[in-house]
Amino acid sequence: MQRKSEVLALTLCLASVGEGASAKESIEFVAEHLAEIAMDNRYASLPLWNACDEARVADRSACYGINGGYARTHSGTLTFDGPMLAFGAKLPIGKTLQLTGLLFFDEFSLGSGVERRPLDVLFADVPLTLPAEAEFTGLDGTARDVGLGLAINGRADWSWLPWFEWSAGVMWQQFKLRDYRFDYLVLEGPDAGARGTLDYSATYTHTSPFAGAAWPRTHYPWHYAPHVQIAMPLPRRGIAGHITGPGFDLTGNTADHGAAPFGDPSVTIGFNVTYLPWNLSVDLGSTITQALIEPKIHEGVQHDLMLSVGWTF
């Protein structure tokens, strides 16, 4: 009798541990948020606030810049990480105005281990009892965010606010998710044992207006530029998906089912520090604020690391 009690206690303990390892957010919820954070990291690292060479500023000639970065975002065993690259050019067009052009190219790898969390599908009416606890494996995909844009930069000097630089523009961007696919196994409920694939591969194209302000100050050899930016990817579209299972093969879009769209308004806060003799900038502020803010506004994501370094010439 004592032996049976010990076995029962051990079983309950193992079940408790298993439940603790399971995430409460559904796979669809987190899959969307991982991609949206990647877009926010791009907005946070646009090449708008790098300090230009002083000689070029003095003779009002064009200034060029290269920004390199790296981002790594994860939730449980799900990871979304890779390099980020951007080019920028500033051309004076007036006494206090500059025309800024930018290009960017970000490439991410998507991966996971064995992930346990609820299966819940909002893009189609699936003949399963959902949400249901499930196991997800096999993620080995990529994401690519490319775009170009134009902005006007200027200066404002208002009596009630310290002088600042402002920027407003618009960019075209295309965010591609490839092989964003999981193999799933339903673990609990009336459909326990059901297997299939869940695929969020899609291409999202946006025209994204953005605006920002910076308060740059120089204490040679250092230049500082605290800044804030907002961006809005338009149009907002539903999340596309494809799911297969026992006797069904369905595709759909969350917009057709009244669920939340893909692509959120973004507010980012940065603090560029530039060593002027090298024209080398590091955005320390965005690294800190993205790490602190993104897991709060995109629930279900534990960590977001974003590094951005710029060089002007």
C-alpha atoms as a PDB file:
ATOM      1  CA  MET A   1       0.000   0.000   0.000  1.00  0.00           C
ATOM      2  CA  GLN A   2       2.851   2.346   0.897  1.00  0.00           C
ATOM      3  CA  ARG A   3       4.539   1.536  -2.431  1.00  0.00           C
ATOM      4  CA  LYS A   4       1.369   2.479  -4.369  1.00  0.00           C
ATOM      5  CA  SER A   5       1.134   5.764  -2.456  1.00  0.00           C
ATOM      6  CA  GLU A   6       4.724   6.624  -3.362  1.00  0.00           C
ATOM      7  CA  VAL A   7       4.110   5.878  -7.042  1.00  0.00           C
ATOM      8  CA  LEU A   8       0.938   8.000  -7.019  1.00  0.00           C
ATOM      9  CA  ALA A   9       2.762  10.903  -5.353  1.00  0.00           C
ATOM     10  CA  LEU A  10       5.587  10.695  -7.900  1.00  0.00           C
ATOM     11  CA  THR A  11       3.087  10.657 -10.791  1.00  0.00           C
ATOM     12  CA  LEU A  12       1.293  13.728  -9.450  1.00  0.00           C
ATOM     13  CA  CYS A  13       4.605  15.493  -8.955  1.00  0.00           C
ATOM     14  CA  LEU A  14       5.695  14.775 -12.534  1.00  0.00           C
ATOM     15  CA  ALA A  15       2.340  15.951 -13.847  1.00  0.00           C
ATOM     16  CA  SER A  16       2.689  19.153 -11.873  1.00  0.00           C
ATOM     17  CA  VAL A  17       6.151  19.765 -13.327  1.00  0.00           C
ATOM     18  CA  GLY A  18       4.828  19.084 -16.821  1.00  0.00           C
ATOM     19  CA  GLU A  19       2.026  21.592 -16.349  1.00  0.00           C
ATOM     20  CA  GLY A  20       4.495  24.171 -15.060  1.00  0.00           C
ATOM     21  CA  ALA A  21       6.573  23.783 -18.212  1.00  0.00           C
ATOM     22  CA  SER A  22       3.552  24.460 -20.405  1.00  0.00           C
ATOM     23  CA  ALA A  23       2.993  28.042 -21.536  1.00  0.00           C
ATOM     24  CA  LYS A  24      -0.421  29.650 -21.116  1.00  0.00           C
ATOM     25  CA  GLU A  25      -0.315  31.660 -24.364  1.00  0.00           C
ATOM     26  CA  SER A  26      -1.458  29.875 -27.507  1.00  0.00           C
ATOM     27  CA  ILE A  27       0.930  29.105 -30.343  1.00  0.00           C
ATOM     28  CA  GLU A  28      -0.893  31.527 -32.663  1.00  0.00           C
ATOM     29  CA  PHE A  29      -0.709  34.341 -30.122  1.00  0.00           C
ATOM     30  CA  VAL A  30       3.051  33.955 -29.697  1.00  0.00           C
ATOM     31  CA  ALA A  31       3.789  33.302 -33.382  1.00  0.00           C
ATOM     32  CA  GLU A  32       2.204  36.664 -34.206  1.00  0.00           C
ATOM     33  CA  HIS A  33       4.017  38.534 -31.440  1.00  0.00           C
ATOM     34  CA  LEU A  34       7.447  37.206 -32.364  1.00  0.00           C
ATOM     35  CA  ALA A  35       7.021  38.545 -35.903  1.00  0.00           C
ATOM     36  CA  GLU A  36       5.629  41.891 -34.736  1.00  0.00           C
ATOM     37  CA  ILE A  37       8.585  42.423 -32.398  1.00  0.00           C
ATOM     38  CA  ALA A  38      10.945  41.852 -35.334  1.00  0.00           C
ATOM     39  CA  MET A  39       9.161  44.691 -37.139  1.00  0.00           C
ATOM     40  CA  ASP A  40       9.394  46.926 -34.053  1.00  0.00           C
ATOM     41  CA  ASN A  41      13.126  46.240 -33.800  1.00  0.00           C
ATOM     42  CA  ARG A  42      13.501  47.468 -37.373  1.00  0.00           C
ATOM     43  CA  TYR A  43      11.587  50.677 -36.630  1.00  0.00           C
ATOM     44  CA  ALA A  44      13.773  51.230 -33.564  1.00  0.00           C
ATOM     45  CA  SER A  45      16.972  50.991 -35.641  1.00  0.00           C
ATOM     46  CA  LEU A  46      16.113  53.146 -38.674  1.00  0.00           C
ATOM     47  CA  PRO A  47      19.181  55.193 -39.757  1.00  0.00           C
ATOM     48  CA  LEU A  48      17.688  58.581 -38.901  1.00  0.00           C
ATOM     49  CA  TRP A  49      19.718  59.909 -35.978  1.00  0.00           C
ATOM     50  CA  ASN A  50      23.358  59.076 -36.728  1.00  0.00           C
ATOM     51  CA  ALA A  51      25.665  62.096 -36.352  1.00  0.00           C
ATOM     52  CA  CYS A  52      27.185  63.251 -39.659  1.00  0.00           C
ATOM     53  CA  ASP A  53      30.813  64.250 -40.100  1.00  0.00           C
ATOM     54  CA  GLU A  54      31.298  67.875 -38.922  1.00  0.00           C
ATOM     55  CA  ALA A  55      33.046  68.915 -42.148  1.00  0.00           C
ATOM     56  CA  ARG A  56      30.121  67.681 -44.220  1.00  0.00           C
ATOM     57  CA  VAL A  57      27.670  69.499 -41.982  1.00  0.00           C
ATOM     58  CA  ALA A  58      29.686  72.723 -42.317  1.00  0.00           C
ATOM     59  CA  ASP A  59      29.801  72.698 -46.124  1.00  0.00           C
ATOM     60  CA  ARG A  60      26.252  71.264 -46.382  1.00  0.00           C
ATOM     61  CA  SER A  61      27.229  68.233 -48.437  1.00  0.00           C
ATOM     62  CA  ALA A  62      25.544  64.828 -48.496  1.00  0.00           C
ATOM     63  CA  CYS A  63      26.094  62.451 -45.593  1.00  0.00           C
ATOM     64  CA  TYR A  64      25.902  58.661 -45.874  1.00  0.00           C
ATOM     65  CA  GLY A  65      25.564  55.981 -43.247  1.00  0.00           C
ATOM     66  CA  ILE A  66      25.545  52.233 -42.693  1.00  0.00           C
ATOM     67  CA  ASN A  67      23.751  50.636 -39.745  1.00  0.00           C
ATOM     68  CA  GLY A  68      24.347  47.059 -38.695  1.00  0.00           C
ATOM     69  CA  GLY A  69      22.447  45.254 -36.010  1.00  0.00           C
ATOM     70  CA  TYR A  70      21.387  41.957 -34.517  1.00  0.00           C
ATOM     71  CA  ALA A  71      18.125  40.902 -32.904  1.00  0.00           C
ATOM     72  CA  ARG A  72      17.177  37.832 -30.916  1.00  0.00           C
ATOM     73  CA  THR A  73      13.676  37.288 -29.586  1.00  0.00           C
ATOM     74  CA  HIS A  74      12.385  34.181 -27.881  1.00  0.00           C
ATOM     75  CA  SER A  75       9.452  32.665 -26.068  1.00  0.00           C
ATOM     76  CA  GLY A  76       9.974  29.308 -24.446  1.00  0.00           C
ATOM     77  CA  THR A  77      11.996  27.338 -27.010  1.00  0.00           C
ATOM     78  CA  LEU A  78      10.749  29.476 -29.939  1.00  0.00           C
ATOM     79  CA  THR A  79      13.477  31.752 -31.336  1.00  0.00           C
ATOM     80  CA  PHE A  80      13.449  34.542 -33.917  1.00  0.00           C
ATOM     81  CA  ASP A  81      16.953  35.883 -34.508  1.00  0.00           C
ATOM     82  CA  GLY A  82      19.304  37.279 -37.145  1.00  0.00           C
ATOM     83  CA  PRO A  83      21.235  40.239 -38.596  1.00  0.00           C
ATOM     84  CA  MET A  84      19.839  43.614 -39.607  1.00  0.00           C
ATOM     85  CA  LEU A  85      21.364  45.957 -42.194  1.00  0.00           C
ATOM     86  CA  ALA A  86      20.367  49.469 -43.253  1.00  0.00           C
ATOM     87  CA  PHE A  87      21.747  52.258 -45.447  1.00  0.00           C
ATOM     88  CA  GLY A  88      20.911  55.939 -45.157  1.00  0.00           C
ATOM     89  CA  ALA A  89      21.732  59.147 -47.039  1.00  0.00           C
ATOM     90  CA  LYS A  90      21.038  62.750 -46.004  1.00  0.00           C
ATOM     91  CA  LEU A  91      20.967  65.564 -48.563  1.00  0.00           C
ATOM     92  CA  PRO A  92      20.479  69.224 -47.556  1.00  0.00           C
ATOM     93  CA  ILE A  93      17.476  70.748 -49.373  1.00  0.00           C
ATOM     94  CA  GLY A  94      17.145  74.000 -47.477  1.00  0.00           C
ATOM     95  CA  LYS A  95      18.597  76.087 -44.708  1.00  0.00           C
ATOM     96  CA  THR A  96      17.344  73.771 -41.983  1.00  0.00           C
ATOM     97  CA  LEU A  97      15.907  70.844 -43.944  1.00  0.00           C
ATOM     98  CA  GLN A  98      17.390  67.568 -45.144  1.00  0.00           C
ATOM     99  CA  LEU A  99      16.008  64.844 -47.365  1.00  0.00           C
ATOM    100  CA  THR A 100      16.763  61.393 -45.965  1.00  0.00           C
ATOM    101  CA  GLY A 101      16.628  58.203 -47.999  1.00  0.00           C
ATOM    102  CA  LEU A 102      16.912  54.766 -46.433  1.00  0.00           C
ATOM    103  CA  LEU A 103      17.093  51.103 -47.393  1.00  0.00           C
ATOM    104  CA  PHE A 104      17.023  48.096 -45.076  1.00  0.00           C
ATOM    105  CA  PHE A 105      17.375  44.325 -45.236  1.00  0.00           C
ATOM    106  CA  ASP A 106      16.848  42.044 -42.235  1.00  0.00           C
ATOM    107  CA  GLU A 107      17.169  38.257 -42.312  1.00  0.00           C
ATOM    108  CA  PHE A 108      15.959  36.089 -39.421  1.00  0.00           C
ATOM    109  CA  SER A 109      16.099  32.397 -38.609  1.00  0.00           C
ATOM    110  CA  LEU A 110      13.138  30.737 -36.896  1.00  0.00           C
ATOM    111  CA  GLY A 111      13.567  27.675 -34.745  1.00  0.00           C
ATOM    112  CA  SER A 112      12.284  25.761 -31.738  1.00  0.00           C
ATOM    113  CA  GLY A 113      12.739  22.722 -29.601  1.00  0.00           C
ATOM    114  CA  VAL A 114       9.772  20.792 -28.235  1.00  0.00           C
ATOM    115  CA  GLU A 115       7.207  23.450 -27.395  1.00  0.00           C
ATOM    116  CA  ARG A 116       4.145  22.757 -25.277  1.00  0.00           C
ATOM    117  CA  ARG A 117       1.340  25.322 -25.220  1.00  0.00           C
ATOM    118  CA  PRO A 118      -2.344  25.577 -26.253  1.00  0.00           C
ATOM    119  CA  LEU A 119      -3.356  25.019 -29.866  1.00  0.00           C
ATOM    120  CA  ASP A 120      -5.913  27.680 -30.750  1.00  0.00           C
ATOM    121  CA  VAL A 121      -6.718  28.671 -34.332  1.00  0.00           C
ATOM    122  CA  LEU A 122      -8.515  31.913 -35.175  1.00  0.00           C
ATOM    123  CA  PHE A 123      -7.998  32.010 -38.957  1.00  0.00           C
ATOM    124  CA  ALA A 124     -10.318  29.060 -39.754  1.00  0.00           C
ATOM    125  CA  ASP A 125     -13.101  26.940 -38.264  1.00  0.00           C
ATOM    126  CA  VAL A 126     -11.178  23.810 -37.362  1.00  0.00           C
ATOM    127  CA  PRO A 127     -13.068  20.570 -36.562  1.00  0.00           C
ATOM    128  CA  LEU A 128     -11.186  20.123 -33.296  1.00  0.00           C
ATOM    129  CA  THR A 129     -12.160  21.057 -29.766  1.00  0.00           C
ATOM    130  CA  LEU A 130      -9.971  24.128 -29.200  1.00  0.00           C
ATOM    131  CA  PRO A 131      -8.116  25.481 -27.353  1.00  0.00           C
ATOM    132  CA  ALA A 132      -6.369  22.257 -26.442  1.00  0.00           C
ATOM    133  CA  GLU A 133      -2.983  21.562 -24.929  1.00  0.00           C
ATOM    134  CA  ALA A 134      -0.594  20.433 -27.668  1.00  0.00           C
ATOM    135  CA  GLU A 135       3.038  19.743 -28.468  1.00  0.00           C
ATOM    136  CA  PHE A 136       4.752  21.619 -31.319  1.00  0.00           C
ATOM    137  CA  THR A 137       7.970  20.601 -33.056  1.00  0.00           C
ATOM    138  CA  GLY A 138       9.806  20.985 -36.348  1.00  0.00           C
ATOM    139  CA  LEU A 139      10.044  24.773 -36.731  1.00  0.00           C
ATOM    140  CA  ASP A 140      12.898  25.585 -39.113  1.00  0.00           C
ATOM    141  CA  GLY A 141      11.961  28.693 -41.070  1.00  0.00           C
ATOM    142  CA  THR A 142      13.102  32.152 -42.094  1.00  0.00           C
ATOM    143  CA  ALA A 143      11.801  35.701 -42.066  1.00  0.00           C
ATOM    144  CA  ARG A 144      12.923  38.566 -44.273  1.00  0.00           C
ATOM    145  CA  ASP A 145      12.054  42.236 -43.760  1.00  0.00           C
ATOM    146  CA  VAL A 146      13.061  44.535 -46.636  1.00  0.00           C
ATOM    147  CA  GLY A 147      12.094  48.094 -47.415  1.00  0.00           C
ATOM    148  CA  LEU A 148      12.933  51.601 -48.529  1.00  0.00           C
ATOM    149  CA  GLY A 149      11.742  55.025 -47.504  1.00  0.00           C
ATOM    150  CA  LEU A 150      12.035  58.798 -47.646  1.00  0.00           C
ATOM    151  CA  ALA A 151      11.883  61.339 -44.850  1.00  0.00           C
ATOM    152  CA  ILE A 152      12.240  65.056 -44.276  1.00  0.00           C
ATOM    153  CA  ASN A 153      14.448  66.073 -41.359  1.00  0.00           C
ATOM    154  CA  GLY A 154      14.430  69.536 -39.849  1.00  0.00           C
ATOM    155  CA  ARG A 155      15.051  71.578 -36.736  1.00  0.00           C
ATOM    156  CA  ALA A 156      12.619  73.276 -34.390  1.00  0.00           C
ATOM    157  CA  ASP A 157      13.420  75.877 -31.772  1.00  0.00           C
ATOM    158  CA  TRP A 158      10.412  76.677 -29.613  1.00  0.00           C
ATOM    159  CA  SER A 159      10.645  78.884 -26.562  1.00  0.00           C
ATOM    160  CA  TRP A 160       8.848  76.383 -24.347  1.00  0.00           C
ATOM    161  CA  LEU A 161      10.920  73.350 -25.443  1.00  0.00           C
ATOM    162  CA  PRO A 162      14.682  72.883 -25.960  1.00  0.00           C
ATOM    163  CA  TRP A 163      15.566  72.845 -29.674  1.00  0.00           C
ATOM    164  CA  PHE A 164      15.251  69.486 -31.314  1.00  0.00           C
ATOM    165  CA  GLU A 165      15.479  67.690 -34.639  1.00  0.00           C
ATOM    166  CA  TRP A 166      12.395  66.145 -36.161  1.00  0.00           C
ATOM    167  CA  SER A 167      11.855  63.588 -38.893  1.00  0.00           C
ATOM    168  CA  ALA A 168       8.722  62.525 -40.756  1.00  0.00           C
ATOM    169  CA  GLY A 169       8.417  60.163 -43.678  1.00  0.00           C
ATOM    170  CA  VAL A 170       7.003  57.014 -45.143  1.00  0.00           C
ATOM    171  CA  MET A 171       8.481  53.659 -46.102  1.00  0.00           C
ATOM    172  CA  TRP A 172       7.437  50.644 -48.093  1.00  0.00           C
ATOM    173  CA  GLN A 173       8.254  47.334 -46.475  1.00  0.00           C
ATOM    174  CA  GLN A 174       7.673  43.685 -47.189  1.00  0.00           C
ATOM    175  CA  PHE A 175       7.803  41.136 -44.397  1.00  0.00           C
ATOM    176  CA  LYS A 176       8.074  37.522 -45.589  1.00  0.00           C
ATOM    177  CA  LEU A 177       7.643  34.479 -43.360  1.00  0.00           C
ATOM    178  CA  ARG A 178       8.821  31.224 -44.950  1.00  0.00           C
ATOM    179  CA  ASP A 179       8.417  27.699 -43.506  1.00  0.00           C
ATOM    180  CA  TYR A 180       6.878  29.218 -40.371  1.00  0.00           C
ATOM    181  CA  ARG A 181       5.446  25.770 -39.809  1.00  0.00           C
ATOM    182  CA  PHE A 182       4.957  23.426 -36.868  1.00  0.00           C
ATOM    183  CA  ASP A 183       4.073  19.766 -36.503  1.00  0.00           C
ATOM    184  CA  TYR A 184       1.523  19.468 -33.728  1.00  0.00           C
ATOM    185  CA  LEU A 185       0.203  16.706 -31.500  1.00  0.00           C
ATOM    186  CA  VAL A 186      -2.902  17.336 -29.391  1.00  0.00           C
ATOM    187  CA  LEU A 187      -2.183  16.130 -25.845  1.00  0.00           C
ATOM    188  CA  GLU A 188      -5.442  16.681 -23.984  1.00  0.00           C
ATOM    189  CA  GLY A 189      -9.192  16.842 -24.521  1.00  0.00           C
ATOM    190  CA  PRO A 190     -11.534  14.848 -26.758  1.00  0.00           C
ATOM    191  CA  ASP A 191      -9.130  15.113 -29.730  1.00  0.00           C
ATOM    192  CA  ALA A 192      -6.044  13.903 -27.853  1.00  0.00           C
ATOM    193  CA  GLY A 193      -3.703  12.120 -30.238  1.00  0.00           C
ATOM    194  CA  ALA A 194      -4.689  14.179 -33.290  1.00  0.00           C
ATOM    195  CA  ARG A 195      -1.708  15.180 -35.429  1.00  0.00           C
ATOM    196  CA  GLY A 196      -1.140  17.644 -38.244  1.00  0.00           C
ATOM    197  CA  THR A 197       0.757  20.721 -39.379  1.00  0.00           C
ATOM    198  CA  LEU A 198       0.183  24.386 -38.591  1.00  0.00           C
ATOM    199  CA  ASP A 199       1.694  26.926 -40.987  1.00  0.00           C
ATOM    200  CA  TYR A 200       1.863  30.737 -40.652  1.00  0.00           C
ATOM    201  CA  SER A 201       3.990  31.330 -43.757  1.00  0.00           C
ATOM    202  CA  ALA A 202       2.845  34.518 -45.507  1.00  0.00           C
ATOM    203  CA  THR A 203       3.982  37.787 -47.075  1.00  0.00           C
ATOM    204  CA  TYR A 204       2.810  41.065 -45.534  1.00  0.00           C
ATOM    205  CA  THR A 205       3.342  44.290 -47.478  1.00  0.00           C
ATOM    206  CA  HIS A 206       2.914  47.630 -45.749  1.00  0.00           C
ATOM    207  CA  THR A 207       3.223  51.326 -46.428  1.00  0.00           C
ATOM    208  CA  SER A 208       4.375  52.609 -43.054  1.00  0.00           C
ATOM    209  CA  PRO A 209       4.358  56.304 -42.127  1.00  0.00           C
ATOM    210  CA  PHE A 210       6.771  57.227 -39.339  1.00  0.00           C
ATOM    211  CA  ALA A 211       7.792  60.286 -37.365  1.00  0.00           C
ATOM    212  CA  GLY A 212      10.233  61.091 -34.609  1.00  0.00           C
ATOM    213  CA  ALA A 213      12.107  63.688 -32.638  1.00  0.00           C
ATOM    214  CA  ALA A 214      15.639  63.844 -31.218  1.00  0.00           C
ATOM    215  CA  TRP A 215      17.418  66.199 -28.842  1.00  0.00           C
ATOM    216  CA  PRO A 216      21.059  65.943 -30.011  1.00  0.00           C
ATOM    217  CA  ARG A 217      23.863  67.560 -28.031  1.00  0.00           C
ATOM    218  CA  THR A 218      27.646  67.507 -28.527  1.00  0.00           C
ATOM    219  CA  HIS A 219      30.382  67.446 -25.875  1.00  0.00           C
ATOM    220  CA  TYR A 220      33.390  66.696 -28.035  1.00  0.00           C
ATOM    221  CA  PRO A 221      34.473  63.999 -28.752  1.00  0.00           C
ATOM    222  CA  TRP A 222      31.028  62.617 -27.895  1.00  0.00           C
ATOM    223  CA  HIS A 223      27.657  63.290 -29.498  1.00  0.00           C
ATOM    224  CA  TYR A 224      24.394  62.264 -27.807  1.00  0.00           C
ATOM    225  CA  ALA A 225      20.977  61.930 -29.416  1.00  0.00           C
ATOM    226  CA  PRO A 226      18.065  60.790 -27.254  1.00  0.00           C
ATOM    227  CA  HIS A 227      15.113  60.210 -29.562  1.00  0.00           C
ATOM    228  CA  VAL A 228      11.583  58.867 -29.808  1.00  0.00           C
ATOM    229  CA  GLN A 229       9.843  57.448 -32.890  1.00  0.00           C
ATOM    230  CA  ILE A 230       6.416  56.233 -33.885  1.00  0.00           C
ATOM    231  CA  ALA A 231       5.526  54.059 -36.884  1.00  0.00           C
ATOM    232  CA  MET A 232       2.293  52.579 -38.186  1.00  0.00           C
ATOM    233  CA  PRO A 233       2.287  49.682 -40.691  1.00  0.00           C
ATOM    234  CA  LEU A 234      -0.675  50.089 -43.069  1.00  0.00           C
ATOM    235  CA  PRO A 235      -2.922  48.511 -44.050  1.00  0.00           C
ATOM    236  CA  ARG A 236      -3.367  46.249 -41.063  1.00  0.00           C
ATOM    237  CA  ARG A 237      -4.192  42.765 -42.306  1.00  0.00           C
ATOM    238  CA  GLY A 238      -5.402  39.582 -40.737  1.00  0.00           C
ATOM    239  CA  ILE A 239      -3.000  36.766 -39.884  1.00  0.00           C
ATOM    240  CA  ALA A 240      -2.880  34.167 -42.645  1.00  0.00           C
ATOM    241  CA  GLY A 241      -2.629  30.492 -41.769  1.00  0.00           C
ATOM    242  CA  HIS A 242      -2.886  26.912 -43.011  1.00  0.00           C
ATOM    243  CA  ILE A 243      -3.687  23.893 -40.875  1.00  0.00           C
ATOM    244  CA  THR A 244      -4.001  20.196 -41.655  1.00  0.00           C
ATOM    245  CA  GLY A 245      -5.248  17.408 -39.436  1.00  0.00           C
ATOM    246  CA  PRO A 246      -7.293  14.209 -39.415  1.00  0.00           C
ATOM    247  CA  GLY A 247      -9.634  14.613 -42.396  1.00  0.00           C
ATOM    248  CA  PHE A 248      -9.172  18.365 -42.961  1.00  0.00           C
ATOM    249  CA  ASP A 249      -6.924  20.831 -44.797  1.00  0.00           C
ATOM    250  CA  LEU A 250      -7.869  24.470 -44.197  1.00  0.00           C
ATOM    251  CA  THR A 251      -6.514  27.927 -44.988  1.00  0.00           C
ATOM    252  CA  GLY A 252      -7.822  31.253 -43.791  1.00  0.00           C
ATOM    253  CA  ASN A 253      -7.255  34.700 -42.409  1.00  0.00           C
ATOM    254  CA  THR A 254      -8.082  36.075 -38.977  1.00  0.00           C
ATOM    255  CA  ALA A 255      -9.610  39.214 -40.537  1.00  0.00           C
ATOM    256  CA  ASP A 256     -12.447  37.031 -41.848  1.00  0.00           C
ATOM    257  CA  HIS A 257     -13.172  35.809 -38.330  1.00  0.00           C
ATOM    258  CA  GLY A 258     -13.079  39.112 -36.449  1.00  0.00           C
ATOM    259  CA  ALA A 259      -9.696  38.495 -34.798  1.00  0.00           C
ATOM    260  CA  ALA A 260      -6.839  40.947 -34.282  1.00  0.00           C
ATOM    261  CA  PRO A 261      -4.828  42.051 -37.345  1.00  0.00           C
ATOM    262  CA  PHE A 262      -1.100  41.675 -37.958  1.00  0.00           C
ATOM    263  CA  GLY A 263       1.158  44.732 -37.558  1.00  0.00           C
ATOM    264  CA  ASP A 264       0.884  46.970 -34.496  1.00  0.00           C
ATOM    265  CA  PRO A 265       1.525  50.687 -34.022  1.00  0.00           C
ATOM    266  CA  SER A 266       5.080  51.042 -32.755  1.00  0.00           C
ATOM    267  CA  VAL A 267       6.609  53.490 -30.290  1.00  0.00           C
ATOM    268  CA  THR A 268      10.364  53.207 -29.771  1.00  0.00           C
ATOM    269  CA  ILE A 269      12.771  55.159 -27.554  1.00  0.00           C
ATOM    270  CA  GLY A 270      16.498  55.368 -28.210  1.00  0.00           C
ATOM    271  CA  PHE A 271      19.688  57.079 -27.092  1.00  0.00           C
ATOM    272  CA  ASN A 272      22.472  57.254 -29.660  1.00  0.00           C
ATOM    273  CA  VAL A 273      26.032  57.737 -28.433  1.00  0.00           C
ATOM    274  CA  THR A 274      28.549  58.717 -31.137  1.00  0.00           C
ATOM    275  CA  TYR A 275      32.333  58.866 -30.929  1.00  0.00           C
ATOM    276  CA  LEU A 276      32.942  61.707 -33.378  1.00  0.00           C
ATOM    277  CA  PRO A 277      36.572  61.007 -34.368  1.00  0.00           C
ATOM    278  CA  TRP A 278      35.385  57.642 -35.758  1.00  0.00           C
ATOM    279  CA  ASN A 279      31.818  58.721 -36.705  1.00  0.00           C
ATOM    280  CA  LEU A 280      30.698  55.543 -34.950  1.00  0.00           C
ATOM    281  CA  SER A 281      27.321  55.408 -33.163  1.00  0.00           C
ATOM    282  CA  VAL A 282      25.769  52.900 -30.787  1.00  0.00           C
ATOM    283  CA  ASP A 283      22.078  53.074 -29.901  1.00  0.00           C
ATOM    284  CA  LEU A 284      22.253  52.157 -26.237  1.00  0.00           C
ATOM    285  CA  GLY A 285      18.763  53.433 -25.529  1.00  0.00           C
ATOM    286  CA  SER A 286      16.958  51.202 -28.020  1.00  0.00           C
ATOM    287  CA  THR A 287      18.786  48.126 -26.729  1.00  0.00           C
ATOM    288  CA  ILE A 288      17.555  48.846 -23.211  1.00  0.00           C
ATOM    289  CA  THR A 289      14.021  50.011 -23.986  1.00  0.00           C
ATOM    290  CA  GLN A 290      13.273  47.253 -26.513  1.00  0.00           C
ATOM    291  CA  ALA A 291      14.388  44.671 -23.952  1.00  0.00           C
ATOM    292  CA  LEU A 292      12.165  46.215 -21.263  1.00  0.00           C
ATOM    293  CA  ILE A 293       9.093  47.291 -23.231  1.00  0.00           C
ATOM    294  CA  GLU A 294       8.528  44.675 -25.931  1.00  0.00           C
ATOM    295  CA  PRO A 295       7.883  41.723 -23.566  1.00  0.00           C
ATOM    296  CA  LYS A 296       5.317  43.915 -21.780  1.00  0.00           C
ATOM    297  CA  ILE A 297       3.317  45.042 -24.812  1.00  0.00           C
ATOM    298  CA  HIS A 298       3.703  41.724 -26.680  1.00  0.00           C
ATOM    299  CA  GLU A 299       2.725  39.259 -23.993  1.00  0.00           C
ATOM    300  CA  GLY A 300       4.027  35.743 -24.143  1.00  0.00           C
ATOM    301  CA  VAL A 301       7.510  36.767 -25.311  1.00  0.00           C
ATOM    302  CA  GLN A 302      10.157  36.499 -22.598  1.00  0.00           C
ATOM    303  CA  HIS A 303      13.184  38.242 -24.089  1.00  0.00           C
ATOM    304  CA  ASP A 304      14.037  40.679 -26.867  1.00  0.00           C
ATOM    305  CA  LEU A 305      17.646  41.645 -27.530  1.00  0.00           C
ATOM    306  CA  MET A 306      18.348  44.241 -30.214  1.00  0.00           C
ATOM    307  CA  LEU A 307      21.775  45.774 -30.937  1.00  0.00           C
ATOM    308  CA  SER A 308      22.362  48.604 -33.428  1.00  0.00           C
ATOM    309  CA  VAL A 309      25.628  50.247 -34.511  1.00  0.00           C
ATOM    310  CA  GLY A 310      25.988  52.970 -37.171  1.00  0.00           C
ATOM    311  CA  TRP A 311      28.852  54.538 -39.114  1.00  0.00           C
ATOM    312  CA  THR A 312      28.620  57.721 -41.202  1.00  0.00           C
ATOM    313  CA  PHE A 313      30.898  58.979 -43.952  1.00  0.00           C
END
